[in-house]
Amino acid sequence: DKEENKSTDAEESTMTGEISDIKDFMFTITFDGQDYGFSFDQNEKPQGLDSVKDGDTVMVTYTGTVNTVDAFTGKILSVEKVD
């Protein structure tokens, strides 16, 4: 009964949506009519964030859980513009 990769903290997820409200410590993704806030340590800007702007459609790769009510507690791995 081996436990393989049961650590949910390290599980990667992606969300694709429109990015807005980009700040030094967070940004918002609008997906399916809902806004999701992704926060991060301002000393550790997510990879790719500098190359996107408000209104771009982006794919965010992250660990942890994001939803519309609770604060984001995971880690943003990258932000990529999608055409």
PDB file of N, CA and C in Angstrom:
ATOM      1  N   ASP A   1       0.843  -1.197   0.000  1.00  0.00           N
ATOM      2  CA  ASP A   1       0.000   0.000   0.000  1.00  0.00           C
ATOM      3  C   ASP A   1       0.880   1.250   0.000  1.00  0.00           C
ATOM      4  N   LYS A   2       1.530   1.476  -1.123  1.00  0.00           N
ATOM      5  CA  LYS A   2       2.436   2.625  -1.238  1.00  0.00           C
ATOM      6  C   LYS A   2       1.657   3.907  -1.499  1.00  0.00           C
ATOM      7  N   GLU A   3       2.101   4.964  -0.845  1.00  0.00           N
ATOM      8  CA  GLU A   3       1.495   6.262  -1.124  1.00  0.00           C
ATOM      9  C   GLU A   3       2.344   6.978  -2.156  1.00  0.00           C
ATOM     10  N   GLU A   4       1.789   7.197  -3.324  1.00  0.00           N
ATOM     11  CA  GLU A   4       2.546   7.857  -4.375  1.00  0.00           C
ATOM     12  C   GLU A   4       1.978   9.242  -4.614  1.00  0.00           C
ATOM     13  N   ASN A   5       2.832  10.247  -4.452  1.00  0.00           N
ATOM     14  CA  ASN A   5       2.449  11.624  -4.748  1.00  0.00           C
ATOM     15  C   ASN A   5       1.114  12.024  -4.126  1.00  0.00           C
ATOM     16  N   LYS A   6       0.956  11.732  -2.861  1.00  0.00           N
ATOM     17  CA  LYS A   6      -0.297  12.097  -2.195  1.00  0.00           C
ATOM     18  C   LYS A   6      -0.260  13.537  -1.692  1.00  0.00           C
ATOM     19  N   SER A   7       0.907  14.171  -1.788  1.00  0.00           N
ATOM     20  CA  SER A   7       1.047  15.538  -1.316  1.00  0.00           C
ATOM     21  C   SER A   7       0.262  16.480  -2.224  1.00  0.00           C
ATOM     22  N   THR A   8      -0.895  16.925  -1.765  1.00  0.00           N
ATOM     23  CA  THR A   8      -1.739  17.782  -2.600  1.00  0.00           C
ATOM     24  C   THR A   8      -1.132  19.160  -2.759  1.00  0.00           C
ATOM     25  N   ASP A   9      -0.234  19.572  -1.864  1.00  0.00           N
ATOM     26  CA  ASP A   9       0.383  20.886  -1.969  1.00  0.00           C
ATOM     27  C   ASP A   9       1.158  21.026  -3.278  1.00  0.00           C
ATOM     28  N   ALA A  10       1.746  19.930  -3.724  1.00  0.00           N
ATOM     29  CA  ALA A  10       2.617  20.008  -4.893  1.00  0.00           C
ATOM     30  C   ALA A  10       1.855  19.744  -6.184  1.00  0.00           C
ATOM     31  N   GLU A  11       0.575  19.450  -6.084  1.00  0.00           N
ATOM     32  CA  GLU A  11      -0.181  19.143  -7.286  1.00  0.00           C
ATOM     33  C   GLU A  11      -0.418  20.411  -8.099  1.00  0.00           C
ATOM     34  N   GLU A  12      -0.077  20.349  -9.375  1.00  0.00           N
ATOM     35  CA  GLU A  12      -0.218  21.531 -10.212  1.00  0.00           C
ATOM     36  C   GLU A  12      -1.592  21.587 -10.858  1.00  0.00           C
ATOM     37  N   SER A  13      -2.140  22.783 -10.921  1.00  0.00           N
ATOM     38  CA  SER A  13      -3.395  23.026 -11.623  1.00  0.00           C
ATOM     39  C   SER A  13      -3.176  24.185 -12.572  1.00  0.00           C
ATOM     40  N   THR A  14      -4.078  24.326 -13.533  1.00  0.00           N
ATOM     41  CA  THR A  14      -4.004  25.491 -14.402  1.00  0.00           C
ATOM     42  C   THR A  14      -5.379  26.137 -14.470  1.00  0.00           C
ATOM     43  N   MET A  15      -5.388  27.421 -14.717  1.00  0.00           N
ATOM     44  CA  MET A  15      -6.625  28.152 -14.965  1.00  0.00           C
ATOM     45  C   MET A  15      -6.346  29.112 -16.104  1.00  0.00           C
ATOM     46  N   THR A  16      -7.240  29.128 -17.074  1.00  0.00           N
ATOM     47  CA  THR A  16      -7.099  30.052 -18.191  1.00  0.00           C
ATOM     48  C   THR A  16      -8.227  31.056 -18.116  1.00  0.00           C
ATOM     49  N   GLY A  17      -7.887  32.322 -18.204  1.00  0.00           N
ATOM     50  CA  GLY A  17      -8.903  33.367 -18.161  1.00  0.00           C
ATOM     51  C   GLY A  17      -8.288  34.704 -18.485  1.00  0.00           C
ATOM     52  N   GLU A  18      -9.088  35.751 -18.298  1.00  0.00           N
ATOM     53  CA  GLU A  18      -8.608  37.092 -18.596  1.00  0.00           C
ATOM     54  C   GLU A  18      -7.985  37.693 -17.347  1.00  0.00           C
ATOM     55  N   ILE A  19      -6.776  38.215 -17.501  1.00  0.00           N
ATOM     56  CA  ILE A  19      -6.070  38.773 -16.350  1.00  0.00           C
ATOM     57  C   ILE A  19      -6.406  40.257 -16.213  1.00  0.00           C
ATOM     58  N   SER A  20      -6.546  40.697 -14.970  1.00  0.00           N
ATOM     59  CA  SER A  20      -6.802  42.114 -14.719  1.00  0.00           C
ATOM     60  C   SER A  20      -6.266  42.465 -13.351  1.00  0.00           C
ATOM     61  N   ASP A  21      -6.251  43.745 -13.079  1.00  0.00           N
ATOM     62  CA  ASP A  21      -5.912  44.209 -11.735  1.00  0.00           C
ATOM     63  C   ASP A  21      -4.551  43.685 -11.280  1.00  0.00           C
ATOM     64  N   ILE A  22      -3.540  43.810 -12.149  1.00  0.00           N
ATOM     65  CA  ILE A  22      -2.209  43.297 -11.825  1.00  0.00           C
ATOM     66  C   ILE A  22      -1.514  44.253 -10.860  1.00  0.00           C
ATOM     67  N   LYS A  23      -1.163  43.756  -9.701  1.00  0.00           N
ATOM     68  CA  LYS A  23      -0.481  44.567  -8.693  1.00  0.00           C
ATOM     69  C   LYS A  23       0.854  43.919  -8.340  1.00  0.00           C
ATOM     70  N   ASP A  24       1.572  44.548  -7.409  1.00  0.00           N
ATOM     71  CA  ASP A  24       2.882  44.030  -7.005  1.00  0.00           C
ATOM     72  C   ASP A  24       2.781  42.731  -6.230  1.00  0.00           C
ATOM     73  N   PHE A  25       1.594  42.392  -5.757  1.00  0.00           N
ATOM     74  CA  PHE A  25       1.482  41.218  -4.897  1.00  0.00           C
ATOM     75  C   PHE A  25       0.318  40.318  -5.269  1.00  0.00           C
ATOM     76  N   MET A  26      -0.459  40.670  -6.292  1.00  0.00           N
ATOM     77  CA  MET A  26      -1.592  39.826  -6.693  1.00  0.00           C
ATOM     78  C   MET A  26      -2.099  40.234  -8.065  1.00  0.00           C
ATOM     79  N   PHE A  27      -2.926  39.363  -8.646  1.00  0.00           N
ATOM     80  CA  PHE A  27      -3.654  39.713  -9.858  1.00  0.00           C
ATOM     81  C   PHE A  27      -4.967  38.950  -9.841  1.00  0.00           C
ATOM     82  N   THR A  28      -5.858  39.333 -10.716  1.00  0.00           N
ATOM     83  CA  THR A  28      -7.172  38.701 -10.789  1.00  0.00           C
ATOM     84  C   THR A  28      -7.315  38.009 -12.137  1.00  0.00           C
ATOM     85  N   ILE A  29      -7.891  36.803 -12.107  1.00  0.00           N
ATOM     86  CA  ILE A  29      -8.224  36.087 -13.333  1.00  0.00           C
ATOM     87  C   ILE A  29      -9.747  35.959 -13.387  1.00  0.00           C
ATOM     88  N   THR A  30     -10.329  36.346 -14.516  1.00  0.00           N
ATOM     89  CA  THR A  30     -11.766  36.162 -14.702  1.00  0.00           C
ATOM     90  C   THR A  30     -11.964  34.921 -15.558  1.00  0.00           C
ATOM     91  N   PHE A  31     -12.650  33.938 -14.965  1.00  0.00           N
ATOM     92  CA  PHE A  31     -12.890  32.660 -15.630  1.00  0.00           C
ATOM     93  C   PHE A  31     -14.356  32.324 -15.450  1.00  0.00           C
ATOM     94  N   ASP A  32     -15.060  32.105 -16.562  1.00  0.00           N
ATOM     95  CA  ASP A  32     -16.444  31.681 -16.480  1.00  0.00           C
ATOM     96  C   ASP A  32     -17.298  32.676 -15.685  1.00  0.00           C
ATOM     97  N   GLY A  33     -17.003  33.967 -15.864  1.00  0.00           N
ATOM     98  CA  GLY A  33     -17.795  34.991 -15.199  1.00  0.00           C
ATOM     99  C   GLY A  33     -17.460  35.237 -13.738  1.00  0.00           C
ATOM    100  N   GLN A  34     -16.485  34.508 -13.199  1.00  0.00           N
ATOM    101  CA  GLN A  34     -16.100  34.669 -11.793  1.00  0.00           C
ATOM    102  C   GLN A  34     -14.690  35.230 -11.714  1.00  0.00           C
ATOM    103  N   ASP A  35     -14.443  36.017 -10.665  1.00  0.00           N
ATOM    104  CA  ASP A  35     -13.100  36.574 -10.450  1.00  0.00           C
ATOM    105  C   ASP A  35     -12.356  35.773  -9.396  1.00  0.00           C
ATOM    106  N   TYR A  36     -11.136  35.396  -9.710  1.00  0.00           N
ATOM    107  CA  TYR A  36     -10.287  34.636  -8.796  1.00  0.00           C
ATOM    108  C   TYR A  36      -9.025  35.449  -8.526  1.00  0.00           C
ATOM    109  N   GLY A  37      -8.738  35.699  -7.258  1.00  0.00           N
ATOM    110  CA  GLY A  37      -7.550  36.460  -6.908  1.00  0.00           C
ATOM    111  C   GLY A  37      -6.371  35.552  -6.630  1.00  0.00           C
ATOM    112  N   PHE A  38      -5.249  35.826  -7.280  1.00  0.00           N
ATOM    113  CA  PHE A  38      -4.014  35.080  -7.051  1.00  0.00           C
ATOM    114  C   PHE A  38      -3.012  36.015  -6.398  1.00  0.00           C
ATOM    115  N   SER A  39      -2.625  35.722  -5.173  1.00  0.00           N
ATOM    116  CA  SER A  39      -1.647  36.570  -4.502  1.00  0.00           C
ATOM    117  C   SER A  39      -0.293  35.876  -4.481  1.00  0.00           C
ATOM    118  N   PHE A  40       0.756  36.682  -4.328  1.00  0.00           N
ATOM    119  CA  PHE A  40       2.108  36.127  -4.301  1.00  0.00           C
ATOM    120  C   PHE A  40       2.997  37.066  -3.501  1.00  0.00           C
ATOM    121  N   ASP A  41       4.134  36.568  -3.101  1.00  0.00           N
ATOM    122  CA  ASP A  41       5.124  37.358  -2.395  1.00  0.00           C
ATOM    123  C   ASP A  41       5.705  38.362  -3.385  1.00  0.00           C
ATOM    124  N   GLN A  42       5.669  39.650  -3.037  1.00  0.00           N
ATOM    125  CA  GLN A  42       6.116  40.633  -4.028  1.00  0.00           C
ATOM    126  C   GLN A  42       7.588  40.521  -4.368  1.00  0.00           C
ATOM    127  N   ASN A  43       8.355  39.791  -3.566  1.00  0.00           N
ATOM    128  CA  ASN A  43       9.758  39.542  -3.891  1.00  0.00           C
ATOM    129  C   ASN A  43       9.916  38.358  -4.837  1.00  0.00           C
ATOM    130  N   GLU A  44       8.827  37.631  -5.067  1.00  0.00           N
ATOM    131  CA  GLU A  44       8.873  36.440  -5.934  1.00  0.00           C
ATOM    132  C   GLU A  44       7.799  36.541  -6.987  1.00  0.00           C
ATOM    133  N   LYS A  45       7.986  37.478  -7.907  1.00  0.00           N
ATOM    134  CA  LYS A  45       6.997  37.632  -8.979  1.00  0.00           C
ATOM    135  C   LYS A  45       6.898  36.349  -9.791  1.00  0.00           C
ATOM    136  N   PRO A  46       5.686  35.920 -10.095  1.00  0.00           N
ATOM    137  CA  PRO A  46       5.546  34.700 -10.905  1.00  0.00           C
ATOM    138  C   PRO A  46       6.198  34.859 -12.270  1.00  0.00           C
ATOM    139  N   GLN A  47       6.790  33.770 -12.722  1.00  0.00           N
ATOM    140  CA  GLN A  47       7.430  33.745 -14.034  1.00  0.00           C
ATOM    141  C   GLN A  47       6.414  34.118 -15.110  1.00  0.00           C
ATOM    142  N   GLY A  48       6.770  35.068 -15.961  1.00  0.00           N
ATOM    143  CA  GLY A  48       5.911  35.433 -17.080  1.00  0.00           C
ATOM    144  C   GLY A  48       4.964  36.587 -16.797  1.00  0.00           C
ATOM    145  N   LEU A  49       4.823  36.971 -15.528  1.00  0.00           N
ATOM    146  CA  LEU A  49       3.853  38.025 -15.209  1.00  0.00           C
ATOM    147  C   LEU A  49       4.222  39.355 -15.860  1.00  0.00           C
ATOM    148  N   ASP A  50       5.523  39.616 -15.987  1.00  0.00           N
ATOM    149  CA  ASP A  50       5.958  40.881 -16.576  1.00  0.00           C
ATOM    150  C   ASP A  50       5.595  41.009 -18.046  1.00  0.00           C
ATOM    151  N   SER A  51       5.336  39.896 -18.706  1.00  0.00           N
ATOM    152  CA  SER A  51       5.076  39.972 -20.141  1.00  0.00           C
ATOM    153  C   SER A  51       3.585  39.919 -20.480  1.00  0.00           C
ATOM    154  N   VAL A  52       2.708  40.052 -19.488  1.00  0.00           N
ATOM    155  CA  VAL A  52       1.274  40.099 -19.773  1.00  0.00           C
ATOM    156  C   VAL A  52       0.710  41.413 -19.231  1.00  0.00           C
ATOM    157  N   LYS A  53      -0.457  41.795 -19.750  1.00  0.00           N
ATOM    158  CA  LYS A  53      -1.084  43.035 -19.287  1.00  0.00           C
ATOM    159  C   LYS A  53      -2.583  42.824 -19.109  1.00  0.00           C
ATOM    160  N   ASP A  54      -3.218  43.787 -18.453  1.00  0.00           N
ATOM    161  CA  ASP A  54      -4.672  43.728 -18.242  1.00  0.00           C
ATOM    162  C   ASP A  54      -5.395  43.410 -19.543  1.00  0.00           C
ATOM    163  N   GLY A  55      -6.322  42.479 -19.469  1.00  0.00           N
ATOM    164  CA  GLY A  55      -7.129  42.144 -20.638  1.00  0.00           C
ATOM    165  C   GLY A  55      -6.588  40.990 -21.449  1.00  0.00           C
ATOM    166  N   ASP A  56      -5.335  40.580 -21.191  1.00  0.00           N
ATOM    167  CA  ASP A  56      -4.778  39.424 -21.899  1.00  0.00           C
ATOM    168  C   ASP A  56      -5.450  38.147 -21.404  1.00  0.00           C
ATOM    169  N   THR A  57      -5.571  37.173 -22.295  1.00  0.00           N
ATOM    170  CA  THR A  57      -5.987  35.837 -21.882  1.00  0.00           C
ATOM    171  C   THR A  57      -4.716  35.081 -21.521  1.00  0.00           C
ATOM    172  N   VAL A  58      -4.690  34.555 -20.306  1.00  0.00           N
ATOM    173  CA  VAL A  58      -3.481  33.894 -19.820  1.00  0.00           C
ATOM    174  C   VAL A  58      -3.823  32.547 -19.207  1.00  0.00           C
ATOM    175  N   MET A  59      -2.817  31.700 -19.134  1.00  0.00           N
ATOM    176  CA  MET A  59      -2.941  30.445 -18.409  1.00  0.00           C
ATOM    177  C   MET A  59      -2.019  30.530 -17.197  1.00  0.00           C
ATOM    178  N   VAL A  60      -2.611  30.372 -16.033  1.00  0.00           N
ATOM    179  CA  VAL A  60      -1.848  30.394 -14.789  1.00  0.00           C
ATOM    180  C   VAL A  60      -1.638  28.958 -14.347  1.00  0.00           C
ATOM    181  N   THR A  61      -0.395  28.592 -14.056  1.00  0.00           N
ATOM    182  CA  THR A  61      -0.084  27.284 -13.494  1.00  0.00           C
ATOM    183  C   THR A  61       0.251  27.512 -12.028  1.00  0.00           C
ATOM    184  N   TYR A  62      -0.382  26.754 -11.153  1.00  0.00           N
ATOM    185  CA  TYR A  62      -0.240  27.015  -9.719  1.00  0.00           C
ATOM    186  C   TYR A  62      -0.416  25.733  -8.919  1.00  0.00           C
ATOM    187  N   THR A  63      -0.003  25.799  -7.661  1.00  0.00           N
ATOM    188  CA  THR A  63      -0.304  24.722  -6.729  1.00  0.00           C
ATOM    189  C   THR A  63      -1.278  25.282  -5.711  1.00  0.00           C
ATOM    190  N   GLY A  64      -1.911  24.393  -4.956  1.00  0.00           N
ATOM    191  CA  GLY A  64      -2.876  24.854  -3.966  1.00  0.00           C
ATOM    192  C   GLY A  64      -4.254  24.974  -4.585  1.00  0.00           C
ATOM    193  N   THR A  65      -5.128  25.698  -3.909  1.00  0.00           N
ATOM    194  CA  THR A  65      -6.520  25.803  -4.315  1.00  0.00           C
ATOM    195  C   THR A  65      -6.879  27.264  -4.466  1.00  0.00           C
ATOM    196  N   VAL A  66      -7.589  27.571  -5.516  1.00  0.00           N
ATOM    197  CA  VAL A  66      -8.085  28.934  -5.673  1.00  0.00           C
ATOM    198  C   VAL A  66      -9.599  28.844  -5.817  1.00  0.00           C
ATOM    199  N   ASN A  67     -10.289  29.728  -5.129  1.00  0.00           N
ATOM    200  CA  ASN A  67     -11.728  29.843  -5.358  1.00  0.00           C
ATOM    201  C   ASN A  67     -12.144  31.283  -5.141  1.00  0.00           C
ATOM    202  N   THR A  68     -13.429  31.560  -5.278  1.00  0.00           N
ATOM    203  CA  THR A  68     -13.855  32.956  -5.284  1.00  0.00           C
ATOM    204  C   THR A  68     -13.970  33.540  -3.884  1.00  0.00           C
ATOM    205  N   VAL A  69     -14.018  32.714  -2.856  1.00  0.00           N
ATOM    206  CA  VAL A  69     -14.235  33.259  -1.512  1.00  0.00           C
ATOM    207  C   VAL A  69     -13.020  33.238  -0.610  1.00  0.00           C
ATOM    208  N   ASP A  70     -12.220  32.175  -0.661  1.00  0.00           N
ATOM    209  CA  ASP A  70     -11.085  32.070   0.261  1.00  0.00           C
ATOM    210  C   ASP A  70      -9.835  32.693  -0.337  1.00  0.00           C
ATOM    211  N   ALA A  71      -8.944  33.139   0.534  1.00  0.00           N
ATOM    212  CA  ALA A  71      -7.668  33.663   0.071  1.00  0.00           C
ATOM    213  C   ALA A  71      -6.865  32.541  -0.570  1.00  0.00           C
ATOM    214  N   PHE A  72      -6.097  32.898  -1.586  1.00  0.00           N
ATOM    215  CA  PHE A  72      -5.250  31.925  -2.277  1.00  0.00           C
ATOM    216  C   PHE A  72      -4.051  31.593  -1.393  1.00  0.00           C
ATOM    217  N   THR A  73      -3.811  30.298  -1.197  1.00  0.00           N
ATOM    218  CA  THR A  73      -2.726  29.897  -0.296  1.00  0.00           C
ATOM    219  C   THR A  73      -1.638  29.097  -0.995  1.00  0.00           C
ATOM    220  N   GLY A  74      -1.795  28.886  -2.283  1.00  0.00           N
ATOM    221  CA  GLY A  74      -0.798  28.087  -2.992  1.00  0.00           C
ATOM    222  C   GLY A  74       0.338  28.940  -3.520  1.00  0.00           C
ATOM    223  N   LYS A  75       0.986  28.427  -4.547  1.00  0.00           N
ATOM    224  CA  LYS A  75       2.111  29.129  -5.156  1.00  0.00           C
ATOM    225  C   LYS A  75       1.868  29.202  -6.658  1.00  0.00           C
ATOM    226  N   ILE A  76       2.107  30.372  -7.226  1.00  0.00           N
ATOM    227  CA  ILE A  76       1.956  30.552  -8.673  1.00  0.00           C
ATOM    228  C   ILE A  76       3.264  30.133  -9.328  1.00  0.00           C
ATOM    229  N   LEU A  77       3.185  29.176 -10.233  1.00  0.00           N
ATOM    230  CA  LEU A  77       4.397  28.676 -10.892  1.00  0.00           C
ATOM    231  C   LEU A  77       4.712  29.468 -12.156  1.00  0.00           C
ATOM    232  N   SER A  78       3.687  29.818 -12.924  1.00  0.00           N
ATOM    233  CA  SER A  78       3.945  30.621 -14.123  1.00  0.00           C
ATOM    234  C   SER A  78       2.654  31.242 -14.623  1.00  0.00           C
ATOM    235  N   VAL A  79       2.833  32.291 -15.424  1.00  0.00           N
ATOM    236  CA  VAL A  79       1.724  32.981 -16.097  1.00  0.00           C
ATOM    237  C   VAL A  79       2.125  33.079 -17.558  1.00  0.00           C
ATOM    238  N   GLU A  80       1.287  32.534 -18.436  1.00  0.00           N
ATOM    239  CA  GLU A  80       1.618  32.547 -19.869  1.00  0.00           C
ATOM    240  C   GLU A  80       0.479  33.142 -20.643  1.00  0.00           C
ATOM    241  N   LYS A  81       0.800  33.996 -21.608  1.00  0.00           N
ATOM    242  CA  LYS A  81      -0.228  34.534 -22.485  1.00  0.00           C
ATOM    243  C   LYS A  81      -0.675  33.441 -23.459  1.00  0.00           C
ATOM    244  N   VAL A  82      -1.984  33.370 -23.678  1.00  0.00           N
ATOM    245  CA  VAL A  82      -2.538  32.397 -24.633  1.00  0.00           C
ATOM    246  C   VAL A  82      -3.234  33.190 -25.728  1.00  0.00           C
ATOM    247  N   ASP A  83      -3.118  32.715 -26.951  1.00  0.00           N
ATOM    248  CA  ASP A  83      -3.779  33.438 -28.050  1.00  0.00           C
ATOM    249  C   ASP A  83      -5.202  32.956 -28.238  1.00  0.00           C
TER     250      ASP A  83
END
